[in-house]
Amino acid sequence: MRLDKFLSIIKIFKSRSLGAEAISASMVMINNQPAKASKEIQAGSIIEIDTPRFYKKLKVLSLPPHNISRAQTASLFQLLDERIKD
């Protein structure tokens, strides 16, 4: 699954295009490597999002099926670190 799509499904960003913008602005890394929106992620990947408003580090636990409810999205990842910035 594409990184931008995954980030929008788990509601880190409100839309896929906002996720793609953050990725192209070098705010997102996968496994300590600069990310691209089209990067295919897998279970076990570590994603770091460092925006001016927040920092999140998460581990992908599984990829979603086509249809998934908002309540089920929490089972897709493990939040490793989270900080709100001033």
Protein backbone atom coordinates (compact mmCIF):
# COMPACT_ATOMS: atom_id res chain seq x y z
CA MET A 1 0.00 0.00 0.00
CA ARG A 2 1.23 3.50 -0.82
CA LEU A 3 2.48 5.59 2.09
CA ASP A 4 0.22 8.58 1.37
CA LYS A 5 -2.85 6.36 1.26
CA PHE A 6 -1.94 4.59 4.51
CA LEU A 7 -1.44 7.91 6.34
CA SER A 8 -4.85 9.15 5.22
CA ILE A 9 -6.56 5.86 6.18
CA ILE A 10 -5.19 6.00 9.72
CA LYS A 11 -6.17 9.70 9.91
CA ILE A 12 -2.71 11.18 10.44
CA PHE A 13 -3.65 13.57 7.62
CA LYS A 14 -7.19 14.48 6.59
CA SER A 15 -6.60 13.60 2.96
CA ARG A 16 -4.18 11.72 0.75
CA SER A 17 -3.10 14.96 -0.91
CA LEU A 18 -2.22 16.58 2.45
CA GLY A 19 -0.17 13.51 3.29
CA ALA A 20 1.58 13.70 -0.08
CA GLU A 21 2.39 17.38 0.52
CA ALA A 22 3.96 16.60 3.92
CA ILE A 23 5.93 13.75 2.37
CA SER A 24 7.25 15.93 -0.47
CA ALA A 25 8.21 18.59 2.11
CA SER A 26 10.48 15.99 3.78
CA MET A 27 8.34 15.76 6.93
CA VAL A 28 7.95 11.96 6.68
CA MET A 29 10.56 9.22 6.91
CA ILE A 30 10.29 5.43 6.65
CA ASN A 31 12.85 3.29 8.45
CA ASN A 32 15.16 6.33 8.83
CA GLN A 33 15.05 7.00 5.07
CA PRO A 34 13.43 9.98 3.31
CA ALA A 35 10.03 8.91 2.04
CA LYS A 36 8.16 9.33 -1.23
CA ALA A 37 4.35 9.35 -1.45
CA SER A 38 4.43 6.33 -3.75
CA LYS A 39 6.63 4.28 -1.39
CA GLU A 40 5.07 0.89 -0.73
CA ILE A 41 4.92 0.21 2.99
CA GLN A 42 4.85 -3.16 4.69
CA ALA A 43 4.04 -4.48 8.14
CA GLY A 44 6.97 -3.73 10.42
CA SER A 45 7.85 -0.41 8.79
CA ILE A 46 8.64 2.48 11.14
CA ILE A 47 7.14 5.81 10.03
CA GLU A 48 8.20 9.15 11.51
CA ILE A 49 6.14 12.28 10.87
CA ASP A 50 7.72 15.57 11.96
CA THR A 51 5.52 18.58 11.13
CA PRO A 52 5.60 22.07 12.64
CA ARG A 53 2.59 21.10 14.82
CA PHE A 54 3.41 17.55 15.92
CA TYR A 55 5.84 14.64 15.87
CA LYS A 56 4.68 11.02 15.65
CA LYS A 57 6.59 7.78 15.34
CA LEU A 58 4.63 4.65 14.60
CA LYS A 59 5.11 1.03 13.62
CA VAL A 60 2.91 -0.48 10.93
CA LEU A 61 1.31 -3.64 12.32
CA SER A 62 -0.80 -4.61 9.32
CA LEU A 63 -2.18 -3.22 6.09
CA PRO A 64 -5.91 -2.50 5.85
CA PRO A 65 -8.41 -4.37 3.71
CA HIS A 66 -10.31 -2.30 1.14
CA ASN A 67 -13.10 -1.28 3.51
CA ILE A 68 -12.23 -0.43 7.09
CA SER A 69 -14.08 1.46 9.78
CA ARG A 70 -12.57 4.32 11.74
CA ALA A 71 -12.59 2.17 14.90
CA GLN A 72 -10.56 -0.54 13.17
CA THR A 73 -7.78 1.82 12.05
CA ALA A 74 -6.18 1.77 15.53
CA SER A 75 -5.29 -1.90 15.04
CA LEU A 76 -3.17 -1.09 11.97
CA PHE A 77 -0.35 0.64 13.83
CA GLN A 78 1.39 1.04 17.18
CA LEU A 79 2.19 4.57 18.32
CA LEU A 80 5.79 4.59 19.54
CA ASP A 81 6.20 8.30 20.28
CA GLU A 82 4.02 11.40 20.06
CA ARG A 83 4.75 15.04 20.85
CA ILE A 84 2.65 18.15 20.32
CA LYS A 85 4.72 21.23 19.47
CA ASP A 86 3.97 24.78 20.53
